[in-house]
Amino acid sequence: MPPYPLSSFRRSQVTLELRFDEAFVLWDRAGALWEAVRRQFRTLKHSQVTPNQTTFTGDNRFTLVVSLDRAVITDHKPSGGTTATLDVMSKFAEVVLQHLEVPVLKRVGTRIIYSLRCKTSDEARAKLAEAMPLSFGEATFFNIKPTQFSPHLKIDVSDGELGYTVQFHKNEKKYEFDPPPEVSDLNLEPRNEAIEELTLDFDFFTTQPIPTESFDVRVWLAGWNKSLSRDADNLLDRLKSIG
């Protein structure tokens, strides 16, 4: 078993992307499309509306984007179960493909990101070294001695019809909040935080066009979730020997 199996990580983001030939009917049907999407959510707020692209946020959880040649939905709070993610993404894809009359999908992609929170940057590097023991040792390049070492692994695989990319690395997220003077009466304090974590990033995709009539979004998403449960720990176990 790997030192940090998939169960050690939190599923932090899931994205579904559908690419297709330019669907110019979007110019005429954007209103009807988003009205149909709105029925899925308690709240749906627009953040960008242009003739060629519209972006909405659903229930302060999902980001939804529809443009002339693609539709993207991201679940930013998928750490519970997969049912809610599957339901919303499946319905969104159904509505988009129906309203835009898309006959063929040029590419389907699903990205699932997992994170493992660490207390410090040093702890993140230590856990990464334990999970993926690749090291330069004492080797010095470009006159920089490697007192801190954080490898970033990327694997690209394809069989001609389907493919996947896996990335594994240390990540730092920085958040800054500096309230403007006009809200000083609210007594909001500035905040600067940094989150250290290990990121395990899976991206599954098609490499050949797919007719929409033979594509089931729910089956696609459920299949990759099942594959992750089956194979992710075996892949992480294999990483222990790359050093």
Protein backbone atom coordinates (compact mmCIF):
# COMPACT_ATOMS: atom_id res chain seq x y z
CA MET A 1 0.00 0.00 0.00
CA PRO A 2 1.17 3.58 -0.64
CA PRO A 3 2.00 5.67 2.43
CA TYR A 4 -0.84 8.03 1.51
CA PRO A 5 -3.64 6.14 -0.26
CA LEU A 6 -6.48 7.92 -2.06
CA SER A 7 -8.60 7.71 1.11
CA SER A 8 -6.07 10.08 2.76
CA PHE A 9 -7.00 12.81 0.28
CA ARG A 10 -10.07 15.02 0.09
CA ARG A 11 -11.84 15.34 -3.26
CA SER A 12 -11.62 19.10 -3.73
CA GLN A 13 -12.75 19.79 -7.31
CA VAL A 14 -14.53 18.02 -10.16
CA THR A 15 -14.83 19.47 -13.67
CA LEU A 16 -16.68 18.26 -16.75
CA GLU A 17 -15.84 19.83 -20.11
CA LEU A 18 -17.66 19.23 -23.41
CA ARG A 19 -16.11 20.56 -26.62
CA PHE A 20 -17.96 20.82 -29.92
CA ASP A 21 -18.03 22.71 -33.19
CA GLU A 22 -19.16 26.31 -32.86
CA ALA A 23 -22.86 26.38 -32.01
CA PHE A 24 -24.00 29.78 -33.24
CA VAL A 25 -27.57 29.08 -32.07
CA LEU A 26 -26.24 30.12 -28.65
CA TRP A 27 -26.80 33.73 -29.73
CA ASP A 28 -30.54 33.07 -30.03
CA ARG A 29 -31.06 30.50 -27.28
CA ALA A 30 -28.89 31.64 -24.38
CA GLY A 31 -31.87 32.92 -22.43
CA ALA A 32 -33.87 29.72 -22.82
CA LEU A 33 -30.81 27.59 -22.04
CA TRP A 34 -30.05 29.34 -18.77
CA GLU A 35 -33.72 29.42 -17.79
CA ALA A 36 -33.70 25.62 -18.09
CA VAL A 37 -30.44 25.37 -16.12
CA ARG A 38 -31.83 27.66 -13.39
CA ARG A 39 -34.42 25.05 -12.42
CA GLN A 40 -31.60 22.87 -11.06
CA PHE A 41 -30.48 25.36 -8.43
CA ARG A 42 -31.84 27.31 -5.50
CA THR A 43 -29.73 30.28 -6.60
CA LEU A 44 -28.11 30.96 -9.96
CA LYS A 45 -26.08 34.16 -10.33
CA HIS A 46 -24.39 35.40 -13.48
CA SER A 47 -20.82 36.64 -13.31
CA GLN A 48 -20.11 37.15 -17.02
CA VAL A 49 -22.51 37.58 -19.91
CA THR A 50 -21.27 38.24 -23.46
CA PRO A 51 -22.65 37.13 -26.82
CA ASN A 52 -20.05 34.37 -27.08
CA GLN A 53 -19.82 33.21 -23.46
CA THR A 54 -21.92 33.18 -20.32
CA THR A 55 -20.75 32.26 -16.83
CA PHE A 56 -22.95 31.52 -13.82
CA THR A 57 -22.53 30.32 -10.24
CA GLY A 58 -25.04 27.83 -8.88
CA ASP A 59 -25.77 27.51 -5.15
CA ASN A 60 -22.37 29.03 -4.34
CA ARG A 61 -20.86 25.69 -5.33
CA PHE A 62 -20.93 25.12 -9.08
CA THR A 63 -19.35 27.28 -11.77
CA LEU A 64 -21.07 26.89 -15.14
CA VAL A 65 -19.73 28.22 -18.44
CA VAL A 66 -21.24 27.95 -21.90
CA SER A 67 -19.50 29.39 -24.97
CA LEU A 68 -19.79 28.86 -28.70
CA ASP A 69 -17.59 25.76 -28.72
CA ARG A 70 -17.63 24.34 -25.21
CA ALA A 71 -19.55 23.87 -21.99
CA VAL A 72 -17.80 23.53 -18.63
CA ILE A 73 -19.17 22.83 -15.17
CA THR A 74 -17.04 22.68 -12.02
CA ASP A 75 -18.07 21.45 -8.59
CA HIS A 76 -15.98 23.27 -6.00
CA LYS A 77 -17.45 21.38 -3.02
CA PRO A 78 -17.53 17.72 -4.06
CA SER A 79 -16.02 16.23 -0.91
CA GLY A 80 -19.24 14.59 0.27
CA GLY A 81 -20.63 11.94 -2.06
CA THR A 82 -20.66 11.72 -5.84
CA THR A 83 -24.45 11.65 -6.27
CA ALA A 84 -25.04 15.40 -6.19
CA THR A 85 -22.14 16.03 -8.58
CA LEU A 86 -23.37 13.40 -11.02
CA ASP A 87 -26.95 14.68 -10.91
CA VAL A 88 -26.11 18.31 -11.55
CA MET A 89 -23.47 17.69 -14.21
CA SER A 90 -25.63 15.19 -16.07
CA LYS A 91 -28.60 17.55 -16.19
CA PHE A 92 -26.45 20.50 -17.21
CA ALA A 93 -24.90 18.56 -20.09
CA GLU A 94 -28.33 17.35 -21.21
CA VAL A 95 -29.73 20.88 -21.27
CA VAL A 96 -26.75 22.34 -23.14
CA LEU A 97 -26.62 19.64 -25.80
CA GLN A 98 -30.37 19.83 -26.33
CA HIS A 99 -30.62 23.62 -26.61
CA LEU A 100 -27.52 23.98 -28.79
CA GLU A 101 -28.42 20.97 -30.93
CA VAL A 102 -24.90 19.54 -30.72
CA PRO A 103 -24.64 16.39 -32.91
CA VAL A 104 -21.02 15.46 -32.16
CA LEU A 105 -18.69 16.03 -29.22
CA LYS A 106 -15.13 16.75 -30.32
CA ARG A 107 -13.77 16.06 -26.83
CA VAL A 108 -15.09 15.08 -23.42
CA GLY A 109 -12.92 15.67 -20.38
CA THR A 110 -13.29 15.08 -16.67
CA ARG A 111 -10.83 16.44 -14.16
CA ILE A 112 -10.91 15.26 -10.55
CA ILE A 113 -8.56 16.92 -8.08
CA TYR A 114 -7.73 15.56 -4.64
CA SER A 115 -5.84 17.40 -1.91
CA LEU A 116 -4.08 16.42 1.30
CA ARG A 117 -3.77 19.30 3.76
CA CYS A 118 -0.42 19.78 5.50
CA LYS A 119 0.50 21.98 8.44
CA THR A 120 3.65 23.45 6.91
CA SER A 121 5.56 23.55 3.66
CA ASP A 122 8.23 21.29 5.19
CA GLU A 123 5.59 18.73 6.13
CA ALA A 124 4.21 18.80 2.59
CA ARG A 125 7.68 18.19 1.14
CA ALA A 126 8.29 15.37 3.63
CA LYS A 127 5.03 13.63 2.74
CA LEU A 128 5.71 14.06 -0.97
CA ALA A 129 9.19 12.56 -0.52
CA GLU A 130 7.68 9.60 1.32
CA ALA A 131 5.06 9.03 -1.37
CA MET A 132 7.39 9.70 -4.30
CA PRO A 133 11.02 9.20 -3.18
CA LEU A 134 12.74 10.95 -6.06
CA SER A 135 15.81 12.95 -5.05
CA PHE A 136 18.75 14.84 -6.49
CA GLY A 137 20.85 13.91 -3.49
CA GLU A 138 23.71 16.39 -3.17
CA ALA A 139 23.79 17.25 -6.89
CA THR A 140 23.96 20.97 -7.57
CA PHE A 141 22.79 22.54 -10.83
CA PHE A 142 22.77 26.20 -11.89
CA ASN A 143 24.76 27.03 -8.72
CA ILE A 144 21.72 26.27 -6.51
CA LYS A 145 22.18 23.73 -3.73
CA PRO A 146 18.98 21.61 -3.33
CA THR A 147 18.22 22.22 0.33
CA GLN A 148 14.52 22.10 -0.57
CA PHE A 149 13.27 19.65 -3.17
CA SER A 150 9.68 19.26 -4.40
CA PRO A 151 9.24 17.10 -7.52
CA HIS A 152 6.23 17.58 -9.78
CA LEU A 153 5.19 14.36 -11.50
CA LYS A 154 3.15 14.40 -14.72
CA ILE A 155 2.08 11.28 -16.61
CA ASP A 156 0.31 11.34 -20.00
CA VAL A 157 -1.28 8.12 -21.28
CA SER A 158 -3.50 7.37 -24.30
CA ASP A 159 -4.72 4.33 -26.19
CA GLY A 160 -5.89 6.28 -29.24
CA GLU A 161 -9.49 6.62 -28.06
CA LEU A 162 -9.23 7.50 -24.38
CA GLY A 163 -6.47 9.11 -22.37
CA TYR A 164 -5.55 10.39 -18.95
CA THR A 165 -3.10 12.77 -17.35
CA VAL A 166 -2.03 12.40 -13.73
CA GLN A 167 -0.16 15.07 -11.81
CA PHE A 168 1.18 14.78 -8.26
CA HIS A 169 2.91 17.66 -6.53
CA LYS A 170 3.13 20.00 -3.57
CA ASN A 171 0.92 23.06 -3.79
CA GLU A 172 0.58 26.32 -1.87
CA LYS A 173 -2.66 28.31 -1.95
CA LYS A 174 -2.51 31.93 -0.84
CA TYR A 175 -5.56 33.92 0.18
CA GLU A 176 -5.53 37.64 0.83
CA PHE A 177 -8.41 39.75 2.06
CA ASP A 178 -8.00 43.48 2.50
CA PRO A 179 -11.36 45.19 3.13
CA PRO A 180 -11.80 48.53 1.31
CA PRO A 181 -12.17 51.74 3.35
CA GLU A 182 -15.86 52.14 2.48
CA VAL A 183 -16.77 49.08 4.58
CA SER A 184 -14.76 50.12 7.63
CA ASP A 185 -17.95 50.28 9.71
CA LEU A 186 -18.22 46.50 9.45
CA ASN A 187 -14.97 46.08 11.42
CA LEU A 188 -13.62 43.49 9.02
CA GLU A 189 -10.04 42.49 9.68
CA PRO A 190 -7.50 41.91 6.89
CA ARG A 191 -6.53 38.29 6.47
CA ASN A 192 -3.60 36.65 4.77
CA GLU A 193 -3.47 32.87 4.79
CA ALA A 194 -1.48 30.18 3.05
CA ILE A 195 -2.56 26.56 2.75
CA GLU A 196 0.05 23.87 2.13
CA GLU A 197 -1.12 20.64 0.56
CA LEU A 198 -0.32 17.75 -1.72
CA THR A 199 -2.32 17.78 -4.93
CA LEU A 200 -3.31 14.65 -6.82
CA ASP A 201 -4.82 15.64 -10.15
CA PHE A 202 -6.54 13.23 -12.55
CA ASP A 203 -7.70 14.32 -16.01
CA PHE A 204 -9.61 11.79 -18.16
CA PHE A 205 -10.52 12.58 -21.76
CA THR A 206 -11.55 11.27 -25.15
CA THR A 207 -9.26 11.56 -28.18
CA GLN A 208 -11.88 10.80 -30.85
CA PRO A 209 -15.21 12.51 -31.68
CA ILE A 210 -18.36 11.02 -30.11
CA PRO A 211 -21.94 11.33 -31.45
CA THR A 212 -24.08 12.83 -28.70
CA GLU A 213 -26.79 10.22 -29.26
CA SER A 214 -24.41 7.51 -28.01
CA PHE A 215 -22.94 9.51 -25.12
CA ASP A 216 -24.29 9.25 -21.56
CA VAL A 217 -22.76 11.80 -19.19
CA ARG A 218 -23.80 9.93 -16.05
CA VAL A 219 -22.22 6.68 -17.27
CA TRP A 220 -19.06 8.59 -18.24
CA LEU A 221 -18.68 10.25 -14.85
CA ALA A 222 -19.64 7.20 -12.80
CA GLY A 223 -17.20 5.07 -14.79
CA TRP A 224 -14.21 7.25 -14.00
CA ASN A 225 -15.15 7.49 -10.34
CA LYS A 226 -15.27 3.69 -10.22
CA SER A 227 -11.92 3.45 -12.03
CA LEU A 228 -10.32 5.79 -9.50
CA SER A 229 -11.56 3.70 -6.60
CA ARG A 230 -10.14 0.61 -8.26
CA ASP A 231 -6.77 1.82 -9.61
CA ALA A 232 -5.63 4.99 -7.82
CA ASP A 233 -3.94 3.21 -4.91
CA ASN A 234 -2.13 0.86 -7.30
CA LEU A 235 -0.77 3.87 -9.19
CA LEU A 236 0.30 5.59 -5.97
CA ASP A 237 1.95 2.38 -4.86
CA ARG A 238 3.90 2.28 -8.11
CA LEU A 239 5.23 5.79 -7.40
CA LYS A 240 7.10 4.49 -4.37
CA SER A 241 9.59 2.81 -6.69
CA ILE A 242 10.34 5.66 -9.10
CA GLY A 243 13.31 6.89 -7.11
